[in-house]
Amino acid sequence: MRPTQNLFFKTFAITLLFLISAFSNAAYAATTMTLIPNAVNPGATRTYFLGVDATAGGSGTIGCLVVTPAGLVTSFSNVRVSTSNGHLWTVTESAGTITAIAAVAGDFASNDTVRVSLTGGTDSQGHGSVSWSATSYGDTNCTTTANMFSASLQIQSNGNNTFTGAITPSSITPNAAKQYTVRLTNTAGSNGQLIGSAAIGIPAGFTNVSIVSVVAHPTPVSSPVDWVGSIIGGHIEINDNGTTPLDNVVHGYVDVVYNATAGPEVAIVTWSAECWKFAVGSGTQYVIGGAEMSTQFDNDLSVTKTHTDPWTQGDSNKPYTITV
């Protein structure tokens, strides 16, 4: 082969290798990342749900997720990450950035959602929209098949459009399959607006989530109406389905009943929520007021009583061993 031909093929091969390497490690824009809630008051400490979809036509398989929340000034707590199988990922935090890695290959997200739960406080002087960013990778070294995501958080002083949330049961044992009821109540008052939809984040670690019913009471004394609900991207979405929204003056409410299985860890887990006037993500955003919706995972106490000496009728002051 002539020297000029040799040089051409070598140059072509090097160029092709460079292009393939750049293609495999480039960051491609992806679209689906959900942040709940995406509106909070300045200075509020809240628990957030972040869902990043791993889809064949988008990010592909995810084995590592790097998240940088914005607008939070306190260090993060209760950071938990999993897919729908409930196995918790390994989480580290450095300089305001969270890195989560699948514990084993079987925990990679594929046609699934990586669910992130974290608690943090917003800047008391903050206002306006800030952007949370995330980058997913196809391996646990956080180097290949990078895809970028973003979601906005609105920091706003909002005392008009508020809602409260409550969950039952509030205490369960790990690994327990239970039926839950979340009640969302419109507490906006006369200066606020109606609520026609809501989103509830499914915390990391939960599995087998299914909706049983969504029943609204547009006013506390009105006849109940059926809303509709679905599970999308690791969270529950409900809406009034063209029936009747929740009244703001007399505080209408909606009960969302669903089944879920808790993870094996002892922990306090919070269900994040947001409400909207129209469809989820459309119209006026509502800010949760009061306590958040938390569930305590803890093992039941078992008490055993033993004694070594023989008993006879009328005996007293015998030694006992009590084990808790």
Protein backbone atom coordinates (compact mmCIF):
# COMPACT_ATOMS: atom_id res chain seq x y z
CA MET A 1 0.00 0.00 0.00
CA ARG A 2 1.33 3.43 -0.86
CA PRO A 3 2.52 5.70 1.99
CA THR A 4 -0.11 8.32 1.15
CA GLN A 5 -2.86 5.69 1.38
CA ASN A 6 -1.45 4.46 4.70
CA LEU A 7 -1.51 7.98 6.06
CA PHE A 8 -5.11 8.48 4.88
CA PHE A 9 -6.43 5.33 6.55
CA LYS A 10 -4.54 6.03 9.80
CA THR A 11 -5.90 9.56 9.89
CA PHE A 12 -9.43 8.29 9.15
CA ALA A 13 -9.22 5.65 11.91
CA ILE A 14 -8.00 8.16 14.51
CA THR A 15 -10.73 10.62 13.55
CA LEU A 16 -13.42 7.92 13.73
CA LEU A 17 -12.19 6.76 17.14
CA PHE A 18 -12.28 10.33 18.42
CA LEU A 19 -15.82 10.86 17.17
CA ILE A 20 -17.05 7.61 18.72
CA SER A 21 -15.45 8.51 22.05
CA ALA A 22 -16.96 11.98 22.01
CA PHE A 23 -20.37 10.59 21.09
CA SER A 24 -20.40 8.02 23.90
CA ASN A 25 -19.39 10.52 26.61
CA ALA A 26 -21.27 13.62 25.47
CA ALA A 27 -24.10 15.06 27.53
CA TYR A 28 -27.38 14.94 25.65
CA ALA A 29 -30.41 17.00 26.57
CA ALA A 30 -33.20 14.99 28.20
CA THR A 31 -36.60 16.25 29.16
CA THR A 32 -38.30 14.45 32.03
CA MET A 33 -37.44 15.48 35.58
CA THR A 34 -40.16 16.13 38.14
CA LEU A 35 -39.72 18.26 41.27
CA ILE A 36 -42.38 18.14 44.01
CA PRO A 37 -43.08 20.65 45.44
CA ASN A 38 -41.91 23.20 42.93
CA ALA A 39 -43.13 26.21 44.92
CA VAL A 40 -42.17 27.01 48.54
CA ASN A 41 -42.08 29.99 50.86
CA PRO A 42 -38.76 31.67 51.67
CA GLY A 43 -37.15 30.21 54.79
CA ALA A 44 -39.28 27.05 54.72
CA THR A 45 -37.77 23.63 55.44
CA ARG A 46 -39.45 21.10 53.21
CA THR A 47 -38.97 17.58 51.88
CA TYR A 48 -38.63 17.33 48.11
CA PHE A 49 -39.30 14.54 45.65
CA LEU A 50 -37.20 14.46 42.50
CA GLY A 51 -38.00 11.96 39.76
CA VAL A 52 -35.68 11.33 36.80
CA ASP A 53 -36.96 8.99 34.10
CA ALA A 54 -34.72 6.36 32.53
CA THR A 55 -36.25 5.65 29.12
CA ALA A 56 -35.02 3.82 26.05
CA GLY A 57 -35.64 6.86 23.87
CA GLY A 58 -34.18 9.33 26.37
CA SER A 59 -31.50 8.77 28.98
CA GLY A 60 -31.26 5.01 28.57
CA THR A 61 -30.17 2.98 31.61
CA ILE A 62 -29.14 4.97 34.69
CA GLY A 63 -26.59 3.68 37.21
CA CYS A 64 -25.48 7.03 38.63
CA LEU A 65 -27.31 10.31 39.23
CA VAL A 66 -25.69 13.60 40.23
CA VAL A 67 -28.12 16.24 41.54
CA THR A 68 -27.45 19.88 42.38
CA PRO A 69 -30.42 21.48 44.17
CA ALA A 70 -30.70 25.26 43.99
CA GLY A 71 -32.17 27.79 46.42
CA LEU A 72 -31.49 25.72 49.55
CA VAL A 73 -29.21 27.10 52.23
CA THR A 74 -29.16 24.38 54.88
CA SER A 75 -27.35 21.09 54.51
CA PHE A 76 -29.53 18.31 53.13
CA SER A 77 -30.93 15.60 55.37
CA ASN A 78 -32.89 12.37 54.93
CA VAL A 79 -31.46 11.88 51.44
CA ARG A 80 -32.75 8.61 49.99
CA VAL A 81 -32.59 7.34 46.41
CA SER A 82 -34.10 4.25 44.76
CA THR A 83 -35.94 3.01 41.70
CA SER A 84 -39.31 1.24 41.84
CA ASN A 85 -37.69 -1.92 43.27
CA GLY A 86 -37.14 -0.04 46.54
CA HIS A 87 -33.44 -0.91 46.94
CA LEU A 88 -31.68 2.18 48.29
CA TRP A 89 -28.74 3.54 46.31
CA THR A 90 -25.43 4.62 47.85
CA VAL A 91 -25.54 8.39 48.45
CA THR A 92 -22.74 10.91 49.06
CA GLU A 93 -22.93 14.69 49.38
CA SER A 94 -20.23 17.27 48.70
CA ALA A 95 -20.44 21.06 48.34
CA GLY A 96 -24.19 21.04 47.78
CA THR A 97 -24.14 18.26 45.18
CA ILE A 98 -25.65 14.81 45.75
CA THR A 99 -24.22 11.75 44.00
CA ALA A 100 -26.29 8.55 44.06
CA ILE A 101 -25.01 5.23 42.73
CA ALA A 102 -26.92 1.97 42.25
CA ALA A 103 -25.72 -0.47 44.91
CA VAL A 104 -25.66 -3.42 42.48
CA ALA A 105 -26.15 -3.83 38.74
CA GLY A 106 -29.68 -5.13 39.27
CA ASP A 107 -30.69 -1.79 40.76
CA PHE A 108 -29.95 0.23 37.61
CA ALA A 109 -32.93 2.21 36.33
CA SER A 110 -34.19 0.99 32.96
CA ASN A 111 -37.62 2.11 31.76
CA ASP A 112 -38.07 3.25 35.33
CA THR A 113 -37.75 6.38 37.47
CA VAL A 114 -34.89 7.22 39.81
CA ARG A 115 -36.65 8.68 42.85
CA VAL A 116 -34.77 11.09 45.12
CA SER A 117 -36.09 12.26 48.51
CA LEU A 118 -34.32 15.02 50.44
CA THR A 119 -35.06 17.65 53.08
CA GLY A 120 -33.66 21.18 52.96
CA GLY A 121 -34.44 24.78 53.86
CA THR A 122 -34.81 27.67 51.43
CA ASP A 123 -33.09 31.03 51.76
CA SER A 124 -35.20 33.33 53.95
CA GLN A 125 -34.37 36.18 51.56
CA GLY A 126 -34.83 34.11 48.40
CA HIS A 127 -37.38 34.87 45.72
CA GLY A 128 -38.09 34.05 42.10
CA SER A 129 -37.30 30.93 40.11
CA VAL A 130 -34.18 28.81 40.62
CA SER A 131 -33.13 25.78 38.59
CA TRP A 132 -32.26 22.34 39.96
CA SER A 133 -29.96 20.36 37.70
CA ALA A 134 -29.15 16.67 37.39
CA THR A 135 -26.92 14.52 35.23
CA SER A 136 -27.50 10.81 34.77
CA TYR A 137 -24.88 8.27 33.73
CA GLY A 138 -25.12 4.75 32.40
CA ASP A 139 -22.54 3.34 34.79
CA THR A 140 -21.64 3.48 38.49
CA ASN A 141 -18.40 5.35 37.76
CA CYS A 142 -20.49 8.32 36.62
CA THR A 143 -18.57 8.65 33.35
CA THR A 144 -20.54 7.24 30.39
CA THR A 145 -23.77 8.10 28.58
CA ALA A 146 -24.36 11.40 30.33
CA ASN A 147 -27.77 13.08 30.09
CA MET A 148 -28.70 16.43 31.61
CA PHE A 149 -32.00 17.34 33.30
CA SER A 150 -33.41 20.44 34.96
CA ALA A 151 -36.47 21.52 36.93
CA SER A 152 -37.46 24.88 38.37
CA LEU A 153 -38.30 25.75 41.98
CA GLN A 154 -40.35 28.87 42.62
CA ILE A 155 -39.49 30.62 45.91
CA GLN A 156 -42.40 32.91 46.67
CA SER A 157 -44.10 34.50 49.66
CA ASN A 158 -47.54 32.97 49.31
CA GLY A 159 -50.02 33.22 52.17
CA ASN A 160 -53.14 33.13 49.98
CA ASN A 161 -52.95 29.91 47.99
CA THR A 162 -52.12 27.29 50.61
CA PHE A 163 -53.10 23.71 51.36
CA THR A 164 -52.50 21.22 54.14
CA GLY A 165 -51.67 17.54 53.89
CA ALA A 166 -52.22 14.64 56.29
CA ILE A 167 -51.41 10.94 55.97
CA THR A 168 -52.64 7.81 57.74
CA PRO A 169 -51.26 5.56 59.05
CA SER A 170 -48.42 7.65 60.44
CA SER A 171 -46.51 4.71 61.91
CA ILE A 172 -45.82 1.29 60.37
CA THR A 173 -43.28 -1.51 60.56
CA PRO A 174 -40.58 -1.93 57.87
CA ASN A 175 -41.49 -4.12 54.88
CA ALA A 176 -45.18 -3.73 55.70
CA ALA A 177 -47.75 -3.63 52.88
CA LYS A 178 -50.33 -1.05 53.90
CA GLN A 179 -53.18 1.03 52.57
CA TYR A 180 -52.57 4.75 52.96
CA THR A 181 -54.87 7.75 52.83
CA VAL A 182 -53.53 11.20 52.00
CA ARG A 183 -55.93 14.08 52.61
CA LEU A 184 -55.22 17.37 50.84
CA THR A 185 -57.28 20.35 52.01
CA ASN A 186 -57.64 23.72 50.31
CA THR A 187 -56.92 26.32 53.03
CA ALA A 188 -56.59 29.29 50.68
CA GLY A 189 -59.45 31.39 52.08
CA SER A 190 -61.47 34.05 50.31
CA ASN A 191 -58.43 35.58 48.60
CA GLY A 192 -57.29 32.27 47.17
CA GLN A 193 -58.45 30.01 44.37
CA LEU A 194 -59.88 26.57 43.73
CA ILE A 195 -57.78 23.39 43.62
CA GLY A 196 -58.34 21.08 40.65
CA SER A 197 -55.28 18.83 40.69
CA ALA A 198 -52.36 17.64 42.79
CA ALA A 199 -49.16 15.60 42.66
CA ILE A 200 -47.76 13.38 45.43
CA GLY A 201 -44.17 12.13 45.29
CA ILE A 202 -43.59 8.45 46.11
CA PRO A 203 -40.60 8.42 48.51
CA ALA A 204 -37.54 6.35 47.70
CA GLY A 205 -37.75 2.85 49.16
CA PHE A 206 -41.48 2.25 48.59
CA THR A 207 -42.67 -0.47 46.21
CA ASN A 208 -45.90 -1.93 44.80
CA VAL A 209 -47.74 1.40 44.75
CA SER A 210 -51.27 1.29 43.34
CA ILE A 211 -54.15 3.74 43.55
CA VAL A 212 -57.37 2.52 45.18
CA SER A 213 -59.58 5.61 44.96
CA VAL A 214 -59.56 9.41 44.70
CA VAL A 215 -62.66 10.90 46.33
CA ALA A 216 -63.13 14.67 46.67
CA HIS A 217 -65.41 16.69 48.90
CA PRO A 218 -65.56 20.06 47.08
CA THR A 219 -66.96 21.46 50.33
CA PRO A 220 -67.01 19.68 53.70
CA VAL A 221 -70.80 19.20 53.46
CA SER A 222 -71.16 18.46 49.75
CA SER A 223 -71.68 15.04 48.23
CA PRO A 224 -68.41 13.31 47.31
CA VAL A 225 -67.25 13.22 43.70
CA ASP A 226 -64.80 10.85 42.07
CA TRP A 227 -61.58 12.34 40.77
CA VAL A 228 -59.08 10.35 38.71
CA GLY A 229 -55.52 9.38 39.53
CA SER A 230 -52.51 7.77 37.88
CA ILE A 231 -48.88 6.94 38.66
CA ILE A 232 -46.50 8.80 36.35
CA GLY A 233 -42.73 9.07 36.63
CA GLY A 234 -42.54 7.80 40.19
CA HIS A 235 -45.29 10.03 41.55
CA ILE A 236 -49.10 10.11 41.87
CA GLU A 237 -51.11 12.65 39.89
CA ILE A 238 -54.78 13.38 40.53
CA ASN A 239 -57.27 15.79 38.96
CA ASP A 240 -60.97 16.63 39.13
CA ASN A 241 -61.66 15.05 35.70
CA GLY A 242 -64.05 17.84 34.80
CA THR A 243 -66.17 17.39 37.94
CA THR A 244 -65.84 19.86 40.85
CA PRO A 245 -62.64 21.38 42.26
CA LEU A 246 -61.96 22.01 45.95
CA ASP A 247 -63.53 25.18 47.34
CA ASN A 248 -61.15 27.69 48.88
CA VAL A 249 -63.56 29.54 51.18
CA VAL A 250 -64.97 26.58 53.13
CA HIS A 251 -61.91 24.35 52.62
CA GLY A 252 -62.81 21.45 50.35
CA TYR A 253 -60.62 18.36 50.53
CA VAL A 254 -59.70 15.23 48.58
CA ASP A 255 -58.79 11.78 49.94
CA VAL A 256 -56.27 9.77 47.92
CA VAL A 257 -56.25 6.09 48.93
CA TYR A 258 -53.44 3.87 47.69
CA ASN A 259 -51.52 0.72 48.54
CA ALA A 260 -47.75 0.66 49.06
CA THR A 261 -45.07 -1.53 50.62
CA ALA A 262 -42.50 0.12 52.86
CA GLY A 263 -38.77 -0.53 52.67
CA PRO A 264 -36.79 -2.52 55.25
CA GLU A 265 -35.04 0.45 56.89
CA VAL A 266 -36.05 2.16 60.12
CA ALA A 267 -36.65 5.78 59.13
CA ILE A 268 -39.02 8.74 59.01
CA VAL A 269 -40.25 9.11 55.44
CA THR A 270 -42.11 12.15 54.09
CA TRP A 271 -44.57 12.22 51.20
CA SER A 272 -44.14 15.48 49.27
CA ALA A 273 -47.13 17.11 47.57
CA GLU A 274 -48.16 20.10 45.48
CA CYS A 275 -51.55 21.42 44.34
CA TRP A 276 -52.71 23.40 41.33
CA LYS A 277 -55.79 25.30 40.21
CA PHE A 278 -55.93 23.60 36.82
CA ALA A 279 -53.98 20.57 35.55
CA VAL A 280 -50.74 19.63 37.31
CA GLY A 281 -48.16 22.19 36.26
CA SER A 282 -50.76 24.62 34.93
CA GLY A 283 -52.22 27.71 36.57
CA THR A 284 -51.70 28.85 40.13
CA GLN A 285 -49.21 26.99 42.33
CA TYR A 286 -50.16 26.28 45.94
CA VAL A 287 -47.76 26.19 48.88
CA ILE A 288 -48.17 23.60 51.63
CA GLY A 289 -48.79 25.03 55.08
CA GLY A 290 -48.23 23.39 58.45
CA ALA A 291 -46.70 19.98 59.05
CA GLU A 292 -45.58 17.70 56.27
CA MET A 293 -46.92 14.19 55.65
CA SER A 294 -44.51 11.86 57.44
CA THR A 295 -44.61 8.14 58.17
CA GLN A 296 -42.48 6.52 60.85
CA PHE A 297 -40.98 3.12 59.99
CA ASP A 298 -40.11 1.34 63.21
CA ASN A 299 -40.10 -2.21 64.49
CA ASP A 300 -42.81 -3.21 66.93
CA LEU A 301 -41.65 -3.76 70.48
CA SER A 302 -41.81 -7.34 71.68
CA VAL A 303 -41.68 -8.05 75.40
CA THR A 304 -40.80 -11.44 76.87
CA LYS A 305 -40.82 -12.34 80.56
CA THR A 306 -38.82 -15.22 82.00
CA HIS A 307 -37.91 -16.53 85.46
CA THR A 308 -35.64 -19.34 86.56
CA ASP A 309 -36.93 -20.29 89.99
CA PRO A 310 -39.94 -22.58 90.33
CA TRP A 311 -43.24 -20.97 91.31
CA THR A 312 -45.64 -22.13 93.97
CA GLN A 313 -48.97 -20.61 94.91
CA GLY A 314 -48.56 -17.61 97.22
CA ASP A 315 -44.93 -16.91 96.23
CA SER A 316 -43.87 -13.29 96.00
CA ASN A 317 -40.75 -11.27 95.24
CA LYS A 318 -39.52 -13.76 92.68
CA PRO A 319 -36.82 -12.55 90.21
CA TYR A 320 -37.93 -11.83 86.63
CA THR A 321 -36.00 -11.16 83.45
CA ILE A 322 -37.81 -8.87 81.04
CA THR A 323 -36.47 -8.55 77.50
CA VAL A 324 -37.65 -5.75 75.19
